[in-house]
Protein backbone atom coordinates (compact mmCIF):
# COMPACT_ATOMS: atom_id res chain seq x y z
CA MET A 1 -115.01 -41.77 42.52
CA ARG A 2 -115.36 -40.16 45.93
CA GLN A 3 -116.70 -37.13 47.57
CA LEU A 4 -114.03 -34.41 47.03
CA ALA A 5 -113.87 -33.27 50.63
CA ALA A 6 -112.72 -37.07 51.26
CA ILE A 7 -110.18 -36.82 48.51
CA CYS A 8 -108.50 -33.97 50.27
CA LEU A 9 -108.11 -35.75 53.67
CA LEU A 10 -106.74 -38.91 52.39
CA VAL A 11 -103.04 -39.91 53.00
CA ILE A 12 -101.98 -41.98 50.14
CA PRO A 13 -99.32 -44.50 50.58
CA ALA A 14 -96.14 -43.31 48.86
CA ALA A 15 -95.57 -44.82 45.27
CA VAL A 16 -93.09 -47.65 44.62
CA SER A 17 -90.39 -46.91 42.09
CA LEU A 18 -90.94 -49.22 39.18
CA ALA A 19 -90.18 -48.95 35.57
CA ALA A 20 -92.68 -47.14 33.81
CA PRO A 21 -95.09 -49.01 31.35
CA ALA A 22 -96.32 -47.48 28.06
CA SER A 23 -98.15 -44.12 28.74
CA ILE A 24 -100.19 -41.55 27.17
CA ALA A 25 -99.92 -37.98 28.39
CA LEU A 26 -103.25 -36.04 28.97
CA PRO A 27 -102.95 -32.50 27.64
CA ASP A 28 -104.16 -30.38 30.59
CA LYS A 29 -101.90 -29.57 33.50
CA ARG A 30 -105.14 -29.81 35.67
CA ALA A 31 -106.48 -32.98 34.40
CA PHE A 32 -106.54 -35.01 37.61
CA PRO A 33 -108.26 -37.95 35.61
CA GLU A 34 -110.78 -39.69 37.67
CA SER A 35 -112.33 -42.45 35.12
CA VAL A 36 -111.30 -43.98 31.99
CA SER A 37 -113.47 -45.86 29.33
CA SER A 38 -112.90 -47.34 25.98
CA THR A 39 -114.46 -48.51 22.81
CA LYS A 40 -113.70 -51.92 20.84
CA ASP A 41 -111.74 -49.80 18.23
CA GLY A 42 -109.32 -48.92 20.95
CA THR A 43 -110.45 -45.13 21.55
CA LEU A 44 -109.96 -44.19 25.12
CA TYR A 45 -111.98 -41.47 26.89
CA ALA A 46 -110.89 -39.85 30.18
CA GLY A 47 -112.54 -37.19 32.28
CA SER A 48 -111.05 -34.52 34.39
CA ILE A 49 -111.99 -33.58 38.12
CA VAL A 50 -110.32 -30.01 38.10
CA ALA A 51 -110.35 -28.99 34.48
CA GLY A 52 -113.49 -30.47 33.59
CA GLY A 53 -114.29 -32.00 30.12
CA VAL A 54 -113.46 -35.20 28.41
CA VAL A 55 -110.35 -36.09 26.57
CA ARG A 56 -110.42 -38.66 23.74
CA VAL A 57 -107.35 -40.69 22.47
CA ARG A 58 -107.95 -42.38 19.26
CA LYS A 59 -106.11 -45.81 18.62
CA GLN A 60 -103.80 -44.97 21.40
CA GLY A 61 -102.40 -41.86 19.92
CA THR A 62 -102.24 -38.28 21.13
CA ALA A 63 -104.85 -37.12 23.66
CA GLU A 64 -107.25 -34.40 22.46
CA GLN A 65 -109.85 -32.31 24.19
CA TRP A 66 -113.00 -33.72 23.00
CA ILE A 67 -115.91 -32.50 25.23
CA LYS A 68 -115.01 -29.16 26.31
CA PRO A 69 -115.01 -28.10 30.05
CA GLY A 70 -118.38 -26.86 31.08
CA ALA A 71 -120.01 -28.41 27.91
CA PHE A 72 -123.73 -29.04 28.27
CA GLY A 73 -123.47 -27.87 31.98
CA SER A 74 -120.84 -30.37 32.94
CA ALA A 75 -118.81 -29.73 36.06
CA SER A 76 -116.18 -31.88 37.59
CA ILE A 77 -116.23 -35.21 35.81
CA LEU A 78 -115.78 -38.58 37.59
CA GLY A 79 -117.13 -41.63 36.04
CA VAL A 80 -117.16 -42.08 32.20
CA PHE A 81 -118.75 -45.11 30.34
CA ALA A 82 -118.66 -45.70 26.69
CA ASP A 83 -121.98 -47.38 25.95
CA GLU A 84 -121.61 -48.20 22.11
CA ARG A 85 -124.88 -50.03 21.74
CA ALA A 86 -126.57 -46.69 22.83
CA ARG A 87 -124.10 -44.66 20.98
CA THR A 88 -123.55 -42.59 24.08
CA LEU A 89 -120.78 -41.66 26.44
CA TRP A 90 -122.41 -41.49 29.92
CA VAL A 91 -120.63 -38.86 32.38
CA CYS A 92 -121.04 -38.27 35.95
CA SER A 93 -120.88 -34.68 36.75
CA ASN A 94 -120.45 -32.95 40.05
CA ASN A 95 -120.21 -29.15 41.05
CA TYR A 96 -117.37 -28.93 43.62
CA SER A 97 -117.32 -25.23 43.42
CA SER A 98 -118.00 -25.20 47.28
CA TYR A 99 -114.52 -26.85 47.47
CA GLY A 100 -112.89 -24.27 45.32
CA VAL A 101 -112.99 -26.41 42.12
CA GLU A 102 -114.49 -23.90 39.52
CA VAL A 103 -115.41 -25.32 36.04
CA PRO A 104 -116.74 -22.24 34.00
CA GLY A 105 -120.39 -22.88 32.47
CA ALA A 106 -120.93 -25.74 35.17
CA LEU A 107 -124.41 -26.29 36.38
CA PRO A 108 -124.89 -26.95 40.13
CA GLY A 109 -125.59 -30.50 41.51
CA SER A 110 -124.74 -34.19 40.64
CA ALA A 111 -126.18 -35.61 37.40
CA LEU A 112 -125.60 -38.17 35.07
CA LEU A 113 -125.08 -36.75 31.54
CA ALA A 114 -125.29 -38.39 28.15
CA PHE A 115 -123.05 -37.24 25.28
CA ASP A 116 -123.40 -38.72 21.79
CA LEU A 117 -120.49 -41.02 21.03
CA ALA A 118 -119.94 -39.94 17.73
CA SER A 119 -120.05 -36.08 17.77
CA GLY A 120 -119.81 -35.24 21.78
CA GLU A 121 -123.02 -33.34 21.66
CA GLY A 122 -125.00 -33.40 24.74
CA LYS A 123 -128.07 -35.39 24.72
CA SER A 124 -129.64 -35.48 28.17
CA ARG A 125 -128.87 -34.30 31.94
CA LEU A 126 -130.48 -36.47 34.73
CA PRO A 127 -129.88 -35.17 38.31
CA LEU A 128 -129.46 -37.43 41.16
CA PRO A 129 -132.54 -37.37 43.30
CA SER A 130 -130.89 -37.61 46.90
CA ASN A 131 -129.20 -34.80 49.00
CA PRO A 132 -126.05 -35.12 49.29
CA SER A 133 -125.09 -36.89 46.02
CA SER A 134 -121.79 -37.48 44.25
CA CYS A 135 -122.30 -39.34 41.16
CA ASN A 136 -119.34 -41.58 40.82
CA ASP A 137 -119.27 -44.61 38.64
CA ILE A 138 -121.39 -46.22 35.77
CA ALA A 139 -122.23 -49.72 34.49
CA VAL A 140 -124.67 -50.68 31.98
CA ALA A 141 -126.82 -53.84 32.12
CA ALA A 142 -127.58 -56.44 29.10
CA ASP A 143 -131.07 -54.76 28.78
CA GLY A 144 -129.22 -51.50 28.40
CA ALA A 145 -130.33 -49.99 31.75
CA VAL A 146 -127.74 -47.74 33.21
CA TYR A 147 -126.74 -48.00 36.99
CA VAL A 148 -124.78 -45.42 38.92
CA THR A 149 -123.04 -45.29 42.21
CA ASN A 150 -123.67 -42.38 44.73
CA SER A 151 -120.60 -42.04 46.92
CA GLU A 152 -122.45 -39.80 49.63
CA THR A 153 -125.27 -41.41 49.92
CA PRO A 154 -125.41 -45.29 50.17
CA GLU A 155 -127.32 -45.95 47.08
CA ILE A 156 -127.24 -46.98 43.47
CA LEU A 157 -129.47 -45.40 40.93
CA ARG A 158 -131.06 -46.87 37.71
CA LEU A 159 -132.02 -45.47 34.47
CA ALA A 160 -134.51 -47.96 32.94
CA PRO A 161 -134.54 -48.29 29.37
CA GLY A 162 -136.64 -45.42 27.81
CA ALA A 163 -136.76 -43.77 31.35
CA LYS A 164 -136.57 -39.95 31.56
CA GLN A 165 -135.30 -39.82 35.14
CA LEU A 166 -133.12 -41.83 37.67
CA GLU A 167 -134.63 -44.02 40.22
CA ILE A 168 -133.16 -45.49 43.41
CA TRP A 169 -132.62 -48.90 42.68
CA PHE A 170 -130.81 -50.03 45.93
CA THR A 171 -130.05 -48.35 49.23
CA GLU A 172 -128.53 -49.92 52.44
CA PRO A 173 -128.00 -47.45 55.55
CA SER A 174 -125.16 -49.74 56.77
CA LEU A 175 -122.97 -48.70 53.73
CA LYS A 176 -123.05 -44.99 54.20
CA PRO A 177 -119.71 -43.25 54.03
CA ALA A 178 -117.89 -41.76 57.28
CA PRO A 179 -118.27 -38.07 57.88
CA ALA A 180 -116.61 -36.22 54.95
CA GLY A 181 -115.59 -39.64 53.60
CA SER A 182 -116.49 -41.62 50.59
CA GLY A 183 -118.56 -44.89 50.13
CA LEU A 184 -119.88 -46.71 47.26
CA ASP A 185 -117.65 -46.53 44.40
CA GLY A 186 -116.79 -48.74 41.41
CA ILE A 187 -119.53 -50.72 39.95
CA ALA A 188 -119.75 -53.64 37.37
CA PHE A 189 -121.98 -56.42 36.15
CA GLY A 190 -120.72 -60.00 36.25
CA SER A 191 -121.28 -62.70 33.71
CA ASP A 192 -123.76 -64.04 36.18
CA GLY A 193 -125.74 -60.75 35.63
CA HIS A 194 -125.24 -59.54 39.28
CA VAL A 195 -123.76 -56.33 40.31
CA TYR A 196 -120.44 -55.91 41.98
CA VAL A 197 -119.55 -52.75 43.90
CA SER A 198 -116.50 -51.34 45.94
CA HIS A 199 -116.70 -49.45 49.08
CA TYR A 200 -113.96 -46.90 48.95
CA ASP A 201 -113.05 -45.82 52.41
CA ALA A 202 -114.18 -49.20 54.22
CA GLY A 203 -112.10 -51.40 51.60
CA ASP A 204 -114.87 -53.68 51.00
CA LEU A 205 -116.37 -55.47 48.09
CA TYR A 206 -120.00 -56.50 47.64
CA ARG A 207 -122.35 -58.56 45.41
CA ILE A 208 -125.78 -57.32 44.86
CA GLU A 209 -128.03 -60.12 43.39
CA VAL A 210 -130.44 -58.98 40.38
CA ALA A 211 -133.64 -60.89 39.61
CA ASN A 212 -135.83 -59.42 36.91
CA GLY A 213 -134.17 -56.06 37.22
CA ASN A 214 -134.75 -55.90 40.79
CA ALA A 215 -131.97 -55.58 43.50
CA GLY A 216 -131.85 -58.74 45.85
CA LYS A 217 -129.54 -60.15 48.45
CA LEU A 218 -126.49 -58.10 49.34
CA THR A 219 -123.46 -60.30 50.14
CA LYS A 220 -120.02 -58.90 51.60
CA LEU A 221 -117.19 -60.62 49.68
CA ARG A 222 -114.24 -61.88 51.44
CA PRO A 223 -111.04 -60.87 49.67
CA SER A 224 -108.08 -62.85 49.82
CA ARG A 225 -105.97 -59.79 51.23
CA ALA A 226 -106.96 -56.40 52.64
CA LEU A 227 -107.65 -53.78 49.99
CA VAL A 228 -106.64 -50.12 50.29
CA LEU A 229 -109.19 -47.71 48.55
CA PRO A 230 -110.76 -50.25 46.33
CA ASP A 231 -112.00 -48.05 43.32
CA ALA A 232 -113.20 -49.01 39.82
CA ILE A 233 -114.27 -52.79 38.97
CA ARG A 234 -114.33 -53.76 35.30
CA LEU A 235 -115.33 -57.23 34.06
CA LEU A 236 -112.84 -59.31 32.16
CA HIS A 237 -114.71 -62.58 31.57
CA GLY A 238 -116.57 -65.05 33.50
CA ASN A 239 -116.19 -64.57 37.08
CA SER A 240 -112.95 -62.29 36.63
CA PHE A 241 -112.51 -58.77 36.89
CA LEU A 242 -110.05 -56.00 37.08
CA LEU A 243 -109.84 -54.02 40.36
CA VAL A 244 -108.18 -50.68 41.02
CA GLU A 245 -106.93 -49.68 44.43
CA GLY A 246 -106.35 -46.02 45.42
CA GLY A 247 -103.59 -47.37 47.44
CA GLY A 248 -101.54 -47.65 44.16
CA ARG A 249 -102.45 -51.30 42.83
CA LEU A 250 -104.18 -52.75 39.53
CA ASN A 251 -105.40 -56.21 40.45
CA ALA A 252 -106.93 -59.26 38.90
CA MET A 253 -109.82 -60.53 40.76
CA THR A 254 -111.59 -63.88 40.68
CA ILE A 255 -114.72 -64.62 42.41
CA ASN A 256 -115.59 -67.89 43.71
CA GLY A 257 -118.65 -68.06 45.85
CA ASP A 258 -118.36 -65.41 48.57
CA ARG A 259 -114.70 -65.18 48.02
CA ALA A 260 -112.45 -62.66 45.79
CA SER A 261 -109.07 -64.09 45.01
CA ILE A 262 -106.75 -60.82 44.56
CA SER A 263 -103.65 -61.02 42.43
CA THR A 264 -101.54 -57.89 41.88
CA LEU A 265 -100.85 -56.98 38.17
CA LYS A 266 -99.08 -53.58 38.80
CA GLU A 267 -98.28 -51.37 41.99
CA GLY A 268 -96.51 -48.24 42.63
CA LEU A 269 -99.20 -46.10 40.65
CA ASP A 270 -100.00 -42.73 42.20
CA THR A 271 -103.68 -43.03 43.36
CA PRO A 272 -104.93 -45.25 40.39
CA THR A 273 -108.56 -43.98 39.91
CA SER A 274 -110.02 -46.20 37.10
CA VAL A 275 -109.29 -48.92 34.53
CA THR A 276 -110.52 -49.95 30.98
CA THR A 277 -109.52 -52.80 28.54
CA VAL A 278 -108.38 -52.68 25.01
CA GLY A 279 -108.02 -56.11 23.73
CA ASP A 280 -105.41 -57.71 26.02
CA THR A 281 -104.14 -54.35 27.60
CA ALA A 282 -105.57 -52.60 30.75
CA TRP A 283 -105.36 -48.72 30.59
CA ILE A 284 -105.25 -47.19 34.08
CA SER A 285 -105.91 -43.54 34.83
CA GLU A 286 -103.46 -42.21 37.51
CA GLY A 287 -105.13 -39.43 39.45
CA GLN A 288 -102.68 -37.99 41.85
CA LEU A 289 -105.59 -36.99 43.83
CA GLU A 290 -103.50 -35.91 46.97
CA TYR A 291 -102.86 -32.57 45.09
CA LEU A 292 -106.53 -31.80 44.10
CA LEU A 293 -106.24 -28.41 46.10
CA GLU A 294 -102.62 -27.93 45.27
CA PRO A 295 -102.21 -28.64 41.54
CA ALA A 296 -98.93 -26.82 41.31
CA LYS A 297 -97.48 -30.04 43.16
CA ALA A 298 -98.68 -32.55 40.69
CA ARG A 299 -96.33 -34.61 38.61
CA LEU A 300 -96.86 -33.64 34.96
CA PRO A 301 -97.94 -34.67 32.57
CA PHE A 302 -100.92 -36.43 33.73
CA GLN A 303 -101.11 -39.75 32.18
CA LEU A 304 -102.85 -43.19 31.32
CA PHE A 305 -100.66 -46.34 31.82
CA SER A 306 -100.85 -49.32 29.98
CA VAL A 307 -100.49 -52.89 32.04
CA PRO A 308 -100.65 -56.24 29.69
CA ILE A 309 -103.42 -58.61 31.01
CA PRO A 310 -102.25 -62.06 31.63
CA LYS A 311 -103.77 -64.82 29.69
């Protein structure tokens, strides 16, 4: 979701006191969830920045440690994406030991990892080619290609079907993050086949046209209100998406031409980091990222929250 140094420098707006929705507690006191994904049967998957590993929640019951911290050389876990067609859980792994975040067994660098969606066994490790790199969020195209945002270098990586390594699919120097900041973040495919991506620090949204698998025109979208740290983007249907703001909101977003109409569904969350859907319910990971280097100050337990999606 972001470069760790940027997380530690962010000043997150104070949360608004609201009635708590239904929630699921995460088991580790150092979870700091950065991303959440789901499968059609309602199983949820959430990664951990500080503890590492991935927890699984079957049918929205009790969260259990599924992929152990350090498994297959995994480090701090950012993006997770359950790809049922490929029977794979894609995971963004980033080694933040230089910032004091140690995950035993972690390999150095930034990489996209593939785990078997049934067994949790590691299948492949694909390092990001650029330096610096921070593998952030993941989307899968209709042809099965996997796309990954790099929040430290302004580029999107692509793993073509059958490929053995990531390629730089899109890059644009003007989208680079500020020093010690975080750039490209959430990514999703629209029903139009184009890529939609957020820029975390700048508060911007973009569309990248896709033609025959190639990156085309980049368009900066015009949101109906200013966004505070836009993060995960998830397709609902047609030209409608869910959009998380690290400033504390879950939104519905409708794209009409170059405009993005933003409607707040939930606010007062403590650094929400991602969202996924199960039926007509949105599940949100609450990251509490302002306490990354002071985990004793985090409000326990870390939780996933549910919010009904309006019809």
